């Protein structure tokens, strides 16, 4: 799966579950939730032990930030 598609998939999974007063806030909340997931992947002990930041997940994060 391409990074952009994964970013949209993660965003969409959270969009329906976050609540907000406006659709803009809902959009931002869903985006932040998806970014938290990616940060958790970066904090995985295996990646941290070897100081690896997987390019795929960096690309997913970049795509999420564009949303």
N, C-alpha and C. Protein backbone atom coordinates (compact mmCIF):
# COMPACT_ATOMS: atom_id res chain seq x y z
N UNK A 1 0.85 -1.18 0.00
CA UNK A 1 0.00 0.00 0.00
C UNK A 1 0.89 1.24 0.00
N UNK A 2 0.54 2.20 -0.82
CA UNK A 2 1.31 3.45 -0.87
C UNK A 2 1.10 4.25 0.40
N UNK A 3 2.10 5.05 0.74
CA UNK A 3 2.05 5.85 1.97
C UNK A 3 0.83 6.77 1.99
N UNK A 4 0.52 7.38 0.86
CA UNK A 4 -0.63 8.28 0.81
C UNK A 4 -1.93 7.53 1.12
N UNK A 5 -2.08 6.35 0.54
CA UNK A 5 -3.28 5.54 0.78
C UNK A 5 -3.36 5.13 2.25
N UNK A 6 -2.22 4.76 2.84
CA UNK A 6 -2.20 4.37 4.25
C UNK A 6 -2.58 5.56 5.13
N UNK A 7 -2.09 6.73 4.80
CA UNK A 7 -2.42 7.94 5.56
C UNK A 7 -3.92 8.19 5.52
N UNK A 8 -4.52 8.09 4.36
CA UNK A 8 -5.96 8.31 4.21
C UNK A 8 -6.73 7.22 4.97
N UNK A 9 -6.26 5.99 4.89
CA UNK A 9 -6.93 4.89 5.60
C UNK A 9 -6.93 5.14 7.12
N UNK A 10 -5.78 5.51 7.67
CA UNK A 10 -5.70 5.80 9.10
C UNK A 10 -6.60 6.97 9.48
N UNK A 11 -6.54 8.02 8.69
CA UNK A 11 -7.39 9.20 8.93
C UNK A 11 -8.87 8.81 8.94
N UNK A 12 -9.27 8.06 7.93
CA UNK A 12 -10.68 7.67 7.81
C UNK A 12 -11.14 6.80 8.99
N UNK A 13 -10.26 5.97 9.50
CA UNK A 13 -10.62 5.12 10.63
C UNK A 13 -10.96 5.95 11.86
N UNK A 14 -10.29 7.07 12.05
CA UNK A 14 -10.52 7.90 13.22
C UNK A 14 -11.61 8.94 13.01
N UNK A 15 -11.83 9.37 11.79
CA UNK A 15 -12.73 10.48 11.52
C UNK A 15 -14.12 10.26 12.12
N UNK A 16 -14.67 9.09 11.95
CA UNK A 16 -16.02 8.82 12.44
C UNK A 16 -16.09 8.67 13.95
N UNK A 17 -14.95 8.51 14.60
CA UNK A 17 -14.94 8.26 16.04
C UNK A 17 -14.60 9.48 16.88
N UNK A 18 -14.06 10.50 16.27
CA UNK A 18 -13.73 11.70 17.04
C UNK A 18 -14.89 12.68 16.97
N UNK A 19 -15.09 13.39 18.05
CA UNK A 19 -16.17 14.36 18.10
C UNK A 19 -15.59 15.76 18.17
N UNK A 20 -16.32 16.69 17.61
CA UNK A 20 -15.89 18.08 17.63
C UNK A 20 -17.10 18.96 17.34
N UNK A 21 -16.94 20.24 17.62
CA UNK A 21 -18.03 21.18 17.37
C UNK A 21 -18.15 21.55 15.90
N UNK A 22 -17.05 21.46 15.17
CA UNK A 22 -17.07 21.80 13.74
C UNK A 22 -16.42 20.68 12.95
N UNK A 23 -16.69 20.64 11.66
CA UNK A 23 -16.08 19.62 10.81
C UNK A 23 -14.57 19.86 10.69
N UNK A 24 -14.15 21.11 10.77
CA UNK A 24 -12.71 21.41 10.73
C UNK A 24 -12.01 20.83 11.95
N UNK A 25 -12.65 20.97 13.11
CA UNK A 25 -12.07 20.40 14.33
C UNK A 25 -12.06 18.88 14.27
N UNK A 26 -13.12 18.32 13.73
CA UNK A 26 -13.19 16.87 13.60
C UNK A 26 -12.08 16.38 12.68
N UNK A 27 -11.86 17.09 11.59
CA UNK A 27 -10.80 16.75 10.65
C UNK A 27 -9.44 16.80 11.36
N UNK A 28 -9.18 17.87 12.10
CA UNK A 28 -7.90 18.02 12.80
C UNK A 28 -7.74 16.95 13.87
N UNK A 29 -8.80 16.63 14.60
CA UNK A 29 -8.72 15.61 15.63
C UNK A 29 -8.41 14.23 15.04
N UNK A 30 -9.04 13.90 13.93
CA UNK A 30 -8.77 12.62 13.28
C UNK A 30 -7.33 12.56 12.79
N UNK A 31 -6.87 13.66 12.25
CA UNK A 31 -5.48 13.73 11.77
C UNK A 31 -4.50 13.53 12.93
N UNK A 32 -4.76 14.17 14.04
CA UNK A 32 -3.87 14.05 15.20
C UNK A 32 -3.87 12.62 15.75
N UNK A 33 -5.02 11.98 15.76
CA UNK A 33 -5.08 10.59 16.21
C UNK A 33 -4.24 9.68 15.31
N UNK A 34 -4.35 9.87 14.02
CA UNK A 34 -3.57 9.07 13.08
C UNK A 34 -2.07 9.34 13.25
N UNK A 35 -1.71 10.60 13.49
CA UNK A 35 -0.30 10.92 13.72
C UNK A 35 0.22 10.27 15.00
N UNK A 36 -0.62 10.16 16.01
CA UNK A 36 -0.22 9.49 17.25
C UNK A 36 0.12 8.02 16.97
N UNK A 37 -0.67 7.38 16.14
CA UNK A 37 -0.41 5.98 15.78
C UNK A 37 0.96 5.85 15.14
N UNK A 38 1.27 6.74 14.21
CA UNK A 38 2.56 6.68 13.53
C UNK A 38 3.70 6.94 14.52
N UNK A 39 3.51 7.88 15.43
CA UNK A 39 4.54 8.14 16.45
C UNK A 39 4.76 6.92 17.33
N UNK A 40 3.70 6.19 17.63
CA UNK A 40 3.84 4.97 18.43
C UNK A 40 4.68 3.94 17.67
N UNK A 41 4.51 3.87 16.38
CA UNK A 41 5.34 2.96 15.58
C UNK A 41 6.80 3.39 15.67
N UNK A 42 7.06 4.69 15.58
CA UNK A 42 8.44 5.18 15.69
C UNK A 42 9.04 4.87 17.06
N UNK A 43 8.19 4.79 18.09
CA UNK A 43 8.66 4.53 19.45
C UNK A 43 8.74 3.04 19.78
N UNK A 44 8.47 2.18 18.81
CA UNK A 44 8.58 0.75 19.01
C UNK A 44 10.01 0.42 19.44
N UNK A 45 10.18 -0.42 20.46
CA UNK A 45 11.51 -0.71 20.97
C UNK A 45 12.49 -1.22 19.92
N UNK A 46 12.03 -1.97 18.96
CA UNK A 46 12.94 -2.47 17.93
C UNK A 46 13.49 -1.32 17.10
N UNK A 47 12.62 -0.42 16.69
CA UNK A 47 13.08 0.72 15.90
C UNK A 47 14.00 1.61 16.72
N UNK A 48 13.65 1.80 18.00
CA UNK A 48 14.48 2.65 18.86
C UNK A 48 15.83 2.02 19.13
N UNK A 49 15.87 0.71 19.36
CA UNK A 49 17.13 0.02 19.66
C UNK A 49 18.12 0.15 18.52
N UNK A 50 17.60 0.09 17.32
CA UNK A 50 18.48 0.17 16.15
C UNK A 50 18.49 1.56 15.52
N UNK A 51 17.82 2.50 16.19
CA UNK A 51 17.74 3.88 15.70
C UNK A 51 17.29 3.92 14.25
N UNK A 52 16.24 3.17 13.98
CA UNK A 52 15.68 3.10 12.63
C UNK A 52 14.38 3.89 12.60
N UNK A 53 14.24 4.71 11.59
CA UNK A 53 12.96 5.37 11.34
C UNK A 53 12.53 4.90 9.96
N UNK A 54 11.61 3.95 9.93
CA UNK A 54 11.22 3.38 8.64
C UNK A 54 10.74 4.44 7.67
N UNK A 55 11.30 4.42 6.47
CA UNK A 55 10.95 5.42 5.45
C UNK A 55 9.45 5.39 5.15
N UNK A 56 8.88 4.22 5.06
CA UNK A 56 7.46 4.11 4.75
C UNK A 56 6.62 4.90 5.75
N UNK A 57 6.89 4.72 7.04
CA UNK A 57 6.10 5.40 8.06
C UNK A 57 6.41 6.88 8.11
N UNK A 58 7.63 7.28 7.76
CA UNK A 58 7.94 8.71 7.64
C UNK A 58 7.11 9.31 6.51
N UNK A 59 7.01 8.56 5.41
CA UNK A 59 6.20 9.02 4.28
C UNK A 59 4.72 9.10 4.66
N UNK A 60 4.24 8.13 5.44
CA UNK A 60 2.84 8.16 5.90
C UNK A 60 2.63 9.40 6.76
N UNK A 61 3.56 9.67 7.66
CA UNK A 61 3.45 10.85 8.52
C UNK A 61 3.42 12.13 7.67
N UNK A 62 4.28 12.20 6.69
CA UNK A 62 4.29 13.37 5.81
C UNK A 62 2.96 13.55 5.09
N UNK A 63 2.40 12.45 4.63
CA UNK A 63 1.10 12.51 3.94
C UNK A 63 -0.01 12.93 4.90
N UNK A 64 0.03 12.44 6.12
CA UNK A 64 -0.98 12.84 7.11
C UNK A 64 -0.90 14.33 7.38
N UNK A 65 0.30 14.84 7.48
CA UNK A 65 0.46 16.26 7.76
C UNK A 65 -0.06 17.13 6.63
N UNK A 66 -0.13 16.60 5.43
CA UNK A 66 -0.67 17.34 4.29
C UNK A 66 -2.20 17.39 4.28
N UNK A 67 -2.83 16.45 4.98
CA UNK A 67 -4.29 16.38 4.96
C UNK A 67 -4.92 17.59 5.62
